[in-house]
Each structure stands twice: as C-alpha cells, then as structure tokens.
Amino acid sequence: MKSISKLHWHYIQDRHPDLAKRILAEYHKRSGFVPYEQGYVYLIHAVGSNYYKIGKSVNPDRRILQIAPQMPFPVRFIHLWHSNFMSLGEAYLHRVFQEHRTNGEWFAFAPEQLCSLLTSLGENVKYAYPKTFYDFVLSEDLDKMAEDFGFFSQAEMADHYFRTQTASDELRFVESIFSSISKSLSPGLPKDIEEQIDQHILLEMQIEINILEAEEKSQDV
C-alpha cells in the first residue's frame, strides 16, 4: 500500500484543485510554517456568579495578579490548559461558546457548558491549529477525500486516517502537507550543479578507498 504521507499533496492538487488552492493560501498565510505559540489558556471564575473569563497568557500566575485588583468582585483560577497554539486555542474556545459571551472575554456558563469546557475540549485547545485547519481549510472536502482515497489505497483506511486520528496525528498531517508544499516549490538543482556534486562525492569516496587500501598494505608489510 502506498504511503499516504508521500502522496497527499500531489493527490490533493490532482484530484481536488479547489482544496489545493485553499491549502496553498493557508500555507502562504502562515509563511510555510505551522504557527506554534507555546503558552496557556486559562479559565477564571467570578466568585459567587456564573461568569467566567477565557484568556491566554505565558505567565498565568502573574496574569491573575494583574486581573484581580481590577475586578469589582473576587476572582479565582478554575483551570489551565497548556497549548502549543495559545492564541488559536483561546480563539477556538471563544468561537465554541460565542452564544454565551457576555462581554469581551467573559462568558455566562451553566453547569452544562462548564462541564463540556472542562472535560472534552482540552485536546482541541492544546492542538488548536490542526483543529482550525481541519474545520476551516479541509472542511467539506473530507468526505470526498475519504471516498476518493481508495484510488491509492483503501477508502476505509482514508476514512480512519482523516476522522479517527488523534489531535497529535492531525498536527503531523498538517506539518507533512506544509513540508510537501515546501519541497514542491523548490526549483531543484540545475543539471550542471548536480554533476559537480556527484563528481565531488565520487572523488571523496575514491580518496577514502585509497586511504583504506594504503592502510591495509601497511598492515601487511
């Protein structure tokens, strides 16, 4: 079975040109790199209320010291998520709970939303960029790709690859696509340069062979 990781970019370009355009636009938007941003997404509670603040910080303990004196009510940390994509992780939660937003980064949560936030969304915060990539770049094309991938391997294998992988697998997939695009954009070495390099490598190999042969002769004497 052919490797999905080696085929996906050429496959997408050939079979799904509209999707390829979106991926390439995303690639250029990110300057060809997955936008890592280590930090924390935090949840602060206004004590005695159902109001919660979803924010981000690289120093959450210092952040609470900055926020607390500004509030007309006592606040406390409820939860921290370490994220490889801090700003995108914060934006992801803001988007998920948009209808519960009261003002800025403050939200009104019933126990149902609070439970969802604390129990099932941690991986999406930690790996917010691949989550964003899948939701907004691949989006509706996932079904087509899962069916069409049978051209290379097995449709059920593609469905498993795109739908049941872990968040860290999704990240590796995005990284491999960006890497494939970068390689495809490389013009390649001119033939005369390739020949020079090949000749140099052969010369280096011959020198090593001559040294080994000379050492063997000296040992025989």
C-alpha atoms as a PDB file:
ATOM      1  CA  MET A   1       0.000   0.000   0.000  1.00  0.00           C
ATOM      2  CA  LYS A   2       1.408   3.408  -0.944  1.00  0.00           C
ATOM      3  CA  SER A   3       2.219   5.875   1.807  1.00  0.00           C
ATOM      4  CA  ILE A   4      -0.464   8.496   2.410  1.00  0.00           C
ATOM      5  CA  SER A   5       2.128  10.912   3.747  1.00  0.00           C
ATOM      6  CA  LYS A   6       4.078  10.816   0.471  1.00  0.00           C
ATOM      7  CA  LEU A   7       1.026  11.109  -1.763  1.00  0.00           C
ATOM      8  CA  HIS A   8      -1.313  13.558  -0.103  1.00  0.00           C
ATOM      9  CA  TRP A   9      -0.134  16.898  -1.572  1.00  0.00           C
ATOM     10  CA  HIS A  10       0.216  15.655  -5.168  1.00  0.00           C
ATOM     11  CA  TYR A  11      -3.031  13.748  -4.750  1.00  0.00           C
ATOM     12  CA  ILE A  12      -4.876  16.829  -3.493  1.00  0.00           C
ATOM     13  CA  GLN A  13      -3.511  19.003  -6.294  1.00  0.00           C
ATOM     14  CA  ASP A  14      -4.546  16.471  -8.918  1.00  0.00           C
ATOM     15  CA  ARG A  15      -7.913  15.351  -7.560  1.00  0.00           C
ATOM     16  CA  HIS A  16      -9.121  18.363  -5.534  1.00  0.00           C
ATOM     17  CA  PRO A  17      -7.722  21.581  -7.086  1.00  0.00           C
ATOM     18  CA  ASP A  18     -10.098  23.888  -5.177  1.00  0.00           C
ATOM     19  CA  LEU A  19      -8.967  22.394  -1.890  1.00  0.00           C
ATOM     20  CA  ALA A  20      -5.339  22.670  -3.027  1.00  0.00           C
ATOM     21  CA  LYS A  21      -5.846  26.405  -3.562  1.00  0.00           C
ATOM     22  CA  ARG A  22      -7.217  26.807  -0.021  1.00  0.00           C
ATOM     23  CA  ILE A  23      -4.349  24.819   1.480  1.00  0.00           C
ATOM     24  CA  LEU A  24      -1.782  26.791  -0.503  1.00  0.00           C
ATOM     25  CA  ALA A  25      -3.391  30.073   0.634  1.00  0.00           C
ATOM     26  CA  GLU A  26      -3.177  28.853   4.241  1.00  0.00           C
ATOM     27  CA  TYR A  27       0.439  27.808   3.684  1.00  0.00           C
ATOM     28  CA  HIS A  28       1.358  31.309   2.488  1.00  0.00           C
ATOM     29  CA  LYS A  29      -0.687  32.927   5.253  1.00  0.00           C
ATOM     30  CA  ARG A  30       1.443  31.027   7.789  1.00  0.00           C
ATOM     31  CA  SER A  31       4.681  31.659   5.844  1.00  0.00           C
ATOM     32  CA  GLY A  32       5.059  27.939   5.312  1.00  0.00           C
ATOM     33  CA  PHE A  33       5.236  27.033   8.997  1.00  0.00           C
ATOM     34  CA  VAL A  34       2.781  25.596  11.488  1.00  0.00           C
ATOM     35  CA  PRO A  35       2.185  28.588  13.838  1.00  0.00           C
ATOM     36  CA  TYR A  36       3.452  27.234  17.136  1.00  0.00           C
ATOM     37  CA  GLU A  37       2.892  29.520  20.130  1.00  0.00           C
ATOM     38  CA  GLN A  38       3.539  27.883  23.485  1.00  0.00           C
ATOM     39  CA  GLY A  39       1.530  29.185  26.403  1.00  0.00           C
ATOM     40  CA  TYR A  40      -1.603  28.729  28.456  1.00  0.00           C
ATOM     41  CA  VAL A  41      -5.304  29.242  28.019  1.00  0.00           C
ATOM     42  CA  TYR A  42      -6.904  29.917  31.383  1.00  0.00           C
ATOM     43  CA  LEU A  43     -10.381  29.941  32.882  1.00  0.00           C
ATOM     44  CA  ILE A  44     -11.106  32.474  35.634  1.00  0.00           C
ATOM     45  CA  HIS A  45     -14.300  32.469  37.718  1.00  0.00           C
ATOM     46  CA  ALA A  46     -16.015  35.481  39.215  1.00  0.00           C
ATOM     47  CA  VAL A  47     -16.759  34.044  42.650  1.00  0.00           C
ATOM     48  CA  GLY A  48     -20.458  33.827  43.513  1.00  0.00           C
ATOM     49  CA  SER A  49     -21.616  34.151  39.888  1.00  0.00           C
ATOM     50  CA  ASN A  50     -21.902  32.146  36.678  1.00  0.00           C
ATOM     51  CA  TYR A  51     -19.417  34.412  34.876  1.00  0.00           C
ATOM     52  CA  TYR A  52     -16.114  33.067  33.590  1.00  0.00           C
ATOM     53  CA  LYS A  53     -13.222  34.621  31.714  1.00  0.00           C
ATOM     54  CA  ILE A  54     -11.375  32.685  28.990  1.00  0.00           C
ATOM     55  CA  GLY A  55      -7.979  34.248  28.359  1.00  0.00           C
ATOM     56  CA  LYS A  56      -4.390  33.425  27.427  1.00  0.00           C
ATOM     57  CA  SER A  57      -1.010  34.050  28.984  1.00  0.00           C
ATOM     58  CA  VAL A  58       2.535  32.727  29.034  1.00  0.00           C
ATOM     59  CA  ASN A  59       2.590  33.514  32.785  1.00  0.00           C
ATOM     60  CA  PRO A  60      -0.881  32.681  34.107  1.00  0.00           C
ATOM     61  CA  ASP A  61       0.069  33.049  37.772  1.00  0.00           C
ATOM     62  CA  ARG A  62       1.243  36.601  37.073  1.00  0.00           C
ATOM     63  CA  ARG A  63      -1.854  37.260  34.979  1.00  0.00           C
ATOM     64  CA  ILE A  64      -4.248  36.538  37.843  1.00  0.00           C
ATOM     65  CA  LEU A  65      -2.323  39.046  39.983  1.00  0.00           C
ATOM     66  CA  GLN A  66      -2.867  41.658  37.271  1.00  0.00           C
ATOM     67  CA  ILE A  67      -6.553  40.914  36.802  1.00  0.00           C
ATOM     68  CA  ALA A  68      -7.691  40.519  40.421  1.00  0.00           C
ATOM     69  CA  PRO A  69      -7.185  44.155  41.559  1.00  0.00           C
ATOM     70  CA  GLN A  70      -9.118  45.422  38.521  1.00  0.00           C
ATOM     71  CA  MET A  71     -12.236  43.393  39.281  1.00  0.00           C
ATOM     72  CA  PRO A  72     -15.102  44.663  41.483  1.00  0.00           C
ATOM     73  CA  PHE A  73     -15.533  41.099  42.764  1.00  0.00           C
ATOM     74  CA  PRO A  74     -13.164  38.317  43.857  1.00  0.00           C
ATOM     75  CA  VAL A  75     -11.854  36.034  41.078  1.00  0.00           C
ATOM     76  CA  ARG A  76     -10.085  32.685  41.101  1.00  0.00           C
ATOM     77  CA  PHE A  77      -8.417  30.336  38.641  1.00  0.00           C
ATOM     78  CA  ILE A  78     -10.589  27.375  37.731  1.00  0.00           C
ATOM     79  CA  HIS A  79      -8.496  25.693  35.079  1.00  0.00           C
ATOM     80  CA  LEU A  80      -5.395  25.963  32.868  1.00  0.00           C
ATOM     81  CA  TRP A  81      -4.751  24.326  29.517  1.00  0.00           C
ATOM     82  CA  HIS A  82      -1.215  24.163  28.201  1.00  0.00           C
ATOM     83  CA  SER A  83      -1.392  24.826  24.464  1.00  0.00           C
ATOM     84  CA  ASN A  84       1.015  24.551  21.557  1.00  0.00           C
ATOM     85  CA  PHE A  85      -1.102  27.289  19.910  1.00  0.00           C
ATOM     86  CA  MET A  86      -2.069  29.657  22.706  1.00  0.00           C
ATOM     87  CA  SER A  87      -3.845  32.409  20.734  1.00  0.00           C
ATOM     88  CA  LEU A  88      -5.632  29.947  18.467  1.00  0.00           C
ATOM     89  CA  GLY A  89      -6.634  27.868  21.500  1.00  0.00           C
ATOM     90  CA  GLU A  90      -8.187  30.910  23.142  1.00  0.00           C
ATOM     91  CA  ALA A  91      -9.919  31.895  19.878  1.00  0.00           C
ATOM     92  CA  TYR A  92     -11.219  28.341  19.471  1.00  0.00           C
ATOM     93  CA  LEU A  93     -12.959  28.402  22.875  1.00  0.00           C
ATOM     94  CA  HIS A  94     -14.300  31.904  22.239  1.00  0.00           C
ATOM     95  CA  ARG A  95     -15.790  30.642  18.987  1.00  0.00           C
ATOM     96  CA  VAL A  96     -17.277  27.495  20.509  1.00  0.00           C
ATOM     97  CA  PHE A  97     -19.008  29.470  23.284  1.00  0.00           C
ATOM     98  CA  GLN A  98     -19.805  32.587  21.277  1.00  0.00           C
ATOM     99  CA  GLU A  99     -23.518  32.492  22.134  1.00  0.00           C
ATOM    100  CA  HIS A 100     -22.643  32.536  25.842  1.00  0.00           C
ATOM    101  CA  ARG A 101     -20.366  35.577  25.602  1.00  0.00           C
ATOM    102  CA  THR A 102     -21.453  38.497  27.768  1.00  0.00           C
ATOM    103  CA  ASN A 103     -18.623  40.969  27.214  1.00  0.00           C
ATOM    104  CA  GLY A 104     -15.145  40.637  25.743  1.00  0.00           C
ATOM    105  CA  GLU A 105     -13.574  37.504  27.198  1.00  0.00           C
ATOM    106  CA  TRP A 106     -16.331  36.978  29.764  1.00  0.00           C
ATOM    107  CA  PHE A 107     -18.954  34.246  29.368  1.00  0.00           C
ATOM    108  CA  ALA A 108     -22.016  33.109  31.291  1.00  0.00           C
ATOM    109  CA  PHE A 109     -21.861  29.333  31.768  1.00  0.00           C
ATOM    110  CA  ALA A 110     -24.482  26.977  33.089  1.00  0.00           C
ATOM    111  CA  PRO A 111     -23.190  23.660  34.513  1.00  0.00           C
ATOM    112  CA  GLU A 112     -23.718  22.044  31.092  1.00  0.00           C
ATOM    113  CA  GLN A 113     -21.308  24.393  29.299  1.00  0.00           C
ATOM    114  CA  LEU A 114     -18.848  24.323  32.177  1.00  0.00           C
ATOM    115  CA  CYS A 115     -18.783  20.524  32.121  1.00  0.00           C
ATOM    116  CA  SER A 116     -18.175  20.479  28.364  1.00  0.00           C
ATOM    117  CA  LEU A 117     -15.415  23.042  28.697  1.00  0.00           C
ATOM    118  CA  LEU A 118     -13.581  21.190  31.450  1.00  0.00           C
ATOM    119  CA  THR A 119     -13.976  17.604  30.277  1.00  0.00           C
ATOM    120  CA  SER A 120     -13.971  17.328  26.490  1.00  0.00           C
ATOM    121  CA  LEU A 121     -12.210  20.292  24.871  1.00  0.00           C
ATOM    122  CA  GLY A 122      -8.681  20.076  26.262  1.00  0.00           C
ATOM    123  CA  GLU A 123      -7.160  18.341  23.217  1.00  0.00           C
ATOM    124  CA  ASN A 124      -8.730  20.917  20.899  1.00  0.00           C
ATOM    125  CA  VAL A 125      -7.139  23.717  22.922  1.00  0.00           C
ATOM    126  CA  LYS A 126      -3.730  22.043  23.016  1.00  0.00           C
ATOM    127  CA  TYR A 127      -3.802  21.316  19.284  1.00  0.00           C
ATOM    128  CA  ALA A 128      -5.881  24.300  18.203  1.00  0.00           C
ATOM    129  CA  TYR A 129      -4.149  24.877  14.873  1.00  0.00           C
ATOM    130  CA  PRO A 130      -4.769  21.443  13.319  1.00  0.00           C
ATOM    131  CA  LYS A 131      -8.317  21.657  14.665  1.00  0.00           C
ATOM    132  CA  THR A 132      -8.714  25.005  12.888  1.00  0.00           C
ATOM    133  CA  PHE A 133      -7.059  23.610   9.756  1.00  0.00           C
ATOM    134  CA  TYR A 134      -9.434  20.642   9.623  1.00  0.00           C
ATOM    135  CA  ASP A 135     -12.556  22.691  10.356  1.00  0.00           C
ATOM    136  CA  PHE A 136     -11.919  25.673   8.107  1.00  0.00           C
ATOM    137  CA  VAL A 137      -9.471  24.548   5.409  1.00  0.00           C
ATOM    138  CA  LEU A 138     -10.347  20.910   4.722  1.00  0.00           C
ATOM    139  CA  SER A 139     -13.977  21.214   5.918  1.00  0.00           C
ATOM    140  CA  GLU A 140     -16.485  19.765   3.451  1.00  0.00           C
ATOM    141  CA  ASP A 141     -13.801  18.128   1.308  1.00  0.00           C
ATOM    142  CA  LEU A 142     -13.082  15.475   3.952  1.00  0.00           C
ATOM    143  CA  ASP A 143     -15.924  13.256   2.745  1.00  0.00           C
ATOM    144  CA  LYS A 144     -14.780  13.485  -0.864  1.00  0.00           C
ATOM    145  CA  MET A 145     -11.188  12.783   0.093  1.00  0.00           C
ATOM    146  CA  ALA A 146     -12.115   9.785   2.220  1.00  0.00           C
ATOM    147  CA  GLU A 147     -14.051   8.247  -0.673  1.00  0.00           C
ATOM    148  CA  ASP A 148     -11.550   9.204  -3.354  1.00  0.00           C
ATOM    149  CA  PHE A 149      -8.519   7.946  -1.461  1.00  0.00           C
ATOM    150  CA  GLY A 150      -9.469   4.429  -2.473  1.00  0.00           C
ATOM    151  CA  PHE A 151      -7.711   5.329  -5.731  1.00  0.00           C
ATOM    152  CA  PHE A 152      -4.436   4.967  -3.812  1.00  0.00           C
ATOM    153  CA  SER A 153      -5.171   2.516  -1.006  1.00  0.00           C
ATOM    154  CA  GLN A 154      -8.447   1.669   0.687  1.00  0.00           C
ATOM    155  CA  ALA A 155     -11.341   4.045   1.261  1.00  0.00           C
ATOM    156  CA  GLU A 156     -11.813   2.777   4.805  1.00  0.00           C
ATOM    157  CA  MET A 157      -8.133   3.445   5.504  1.00  0.00           C
ATOM    158  CA  ALA A 158      -8.552   7.036   4.388  1.00  0.00           C
ATOM    159  CA  ASP A 159     -11.699   7.430   6.477  1.00  0.00           C
ATOM    160  CA  HIS A 160      -9.780   6.177   9.502  1.00  0.00           C
ATOM    161  CA  TYR A 161      -6.861   8.468   8.722  1.00  0.00           C
ATOM    162  CA  PHE A 162      -8.974  11.597   8.385  1.00  0.00           C
ATOM    163  CA  ARG A 163     -11.638  11.018  11.008  1.00  0.00           C
ATOM    164  CA  THR A 164     -10.430   8.871  13.897  1.00  0.00           C
ATOM    165  CA  GLN A 165      -6.857  10.039  14.309  1.00  0.00           C
ATOM    166  CA  THR A 166      -5.762  11.847  17.430  1.00  0.00           C
ATOM    167  CA  ALA A 167      -5.128  15.578  17.585  1.00  0.00           C
ATOM    168  CA  SER A 168      -1.356  14.994  17.544  1.00  0.00           C
ATOM    169  CA  ASP A 169      -1.792  12.885  14.376  1.00  0.00           C
ATOM    170  CA  GLU A 170      -3.718  15.762  12.805  1.00  0.00           C
ATOM    171  CA  LEU A 171      -0.807  18.054  13.649  1.00  0.00           C
ATOM    172  CA  ARG A 172       1.671  15.706  11.970  1.00  0.00           C
ATOM    173  CA  PHE A 173      -0.610  15.578   8.928  1.00  0.00           C
ATOM    174  CA  VAL A 174      -0.672  19.382   8.624  1.00  0.00           C
ATOM    175  CA  GLU A 175       3.090  19.564   9.119  1.00  0.00           C
ATOM    176  CA  SER A 176       3.648  16.939   6.424  1.00  0.00           C
ATOM    177  CA  ILE A 177       1.421  18.831   3.969  1.00  0.00           C
ATOM    178  CA  PHE A 178       3.349  22.058   4.579  1.00  0.00           C
ATOM    179  CA  SER A 179       6.620  20.162   4.183  1.00  0.00           C
ATOM    180  CA  SER A 180       5.421  18.647   0.905  1.00  0.00           C
ATOM    181  CA  ILE A 181       4.410  22.075  -0.403  1.00  0.00           C
ATOM    182  CA  SER A 182       7.824  23.496   0.518  1.00  0.00           C
ATOM    183  CA  LYS A 183       9.550  20.676  -1.358  1.00  0.00           C
ATOM    184  CA  SER A 184       7.300  21.122  -4.383  1.00  0.00           C
ATOM    185  CA  LEU A 185       8.124  24.844  -4.515  1.00  0.00           C
ATOM    186  CA  SER A 186      11.856  24.157  -4.648  1.00  0.00           C
ATOM    187  CA  PRO A 187      13.179  24.659  -8.192  1.00  0.00           C
ATOM    188  CA  GLY A 188      15.635  21.786  -7.875  1.00  0.00           C
ATOM    189  CA  LEU A 189      19.335  21.841  -8.678  1.00  0.00           C
ATOM    190  CA  PRO A 190      20.453  22.649 -12.226  1.00  0.00           C
ATOM    191  CA  LYS A 191      21.939  19.656 -14.008  1.00  0.00           C
ATOM    192  CA  ASP A 192      25.454  21.087 -14.156  1.00  0.00           C
ATOM    193  CA  ILE A 193      25.429  21.679 -10.381  1.00  0.00           C
ATOM    194  CA  GLU A 194      24.168  18.140  -9.776  1.00  0.00           C
ATOM    195  CA  GLU A 195      27.013  16.798 -11.916  1.00  0.00           C
ATOM    196  CA  GLN A 196      29.572  18.800  -9.949  1.00  0.00           C
ATOM    197  CA  ILE A 197      28.204  17.475  -6.675  1.00  0.00           C
ATOM    198  CA  ASP A 198      28.140  13.895  -7.974  1.00  0.00           C
ATOM    199  CA  GLN A 199      31.726  14.192  -9.154  1.00  0.00           C
ATOM    200  CA  HIS A 200      32.792  15.601  -5.806  1.00  0.00           C
ATOM    201  CA  ILE A 201      31.078  12.759  -3.938  1.00  0.00           C
ATOM    202  CA  LEU A 202      32.757  10.163  -6.183  1.00  0.00           C
ATOM    203  CA  LEU A 203      36.113  11.852  -5.636  1.00  0.00           C
ATOM    204  CA  GLU A 204      35.636  11.817  -1.858  1.00  0.00           C
ATOM    205  CA  MET A 205      34.681   8.150  -1.972  1.00  0.00           C
ATOM    206  CA  GLN A 206      37.755   7.329  -4.077  1.00  0.00           C
ATOM    207  CA  ILE A 207      40.007   9.162  -1.616  1.00  0.00           C
ATOM    208  CA  GLU A 208      38.543   7.131   1.268  1.00  0.00           C
ATOM    209  CA  ILE A 209      39.046   3.905  -0.692  1.00  0.00           C
ATOM    210  CA  ASN A 210      42.667   4.837  -1.423  1.00  0.00           C
ATOM    211  CA  ILE A 211      43.290   5.570   2.267  1.00  0.00           C
ATOM    212  CA  LEU A 212      41.794   2.211   3.321  1.00  0.00           C
ATOM    213  CA  GLU A 213      43.838   0.348   0.728  1.00  0.00           C
ATOM    214  CA  ALA A 214      47.011   2.103   1.852  1.00  0.00           C
ATOM    215  CA  GLU A 215      46.295   1.188   5.492  1.00  0.00           C
ATOM    216  CA  GLU A 216      45.727  -2.467   4.559  1.00  0.00           C
ATOM    217  CA  LYS A 217      49.034  -2.602   2.635  1.00  0.00           C
ATOM    218  CA  SER A 218      50.927  -1.050   5.535  1.00  0.00           C
ATOM    219  CA  GLN A 219      49.498  -3.687   7.899  1.00  0.00           C
ATOM    220  CA  ASP A 220      50.589  -6.495   5.560  1.00  0.00           C
ATOM    221  CA  VAL A 221      54.185  -5.299   5.475  1.00  0.00           C
END
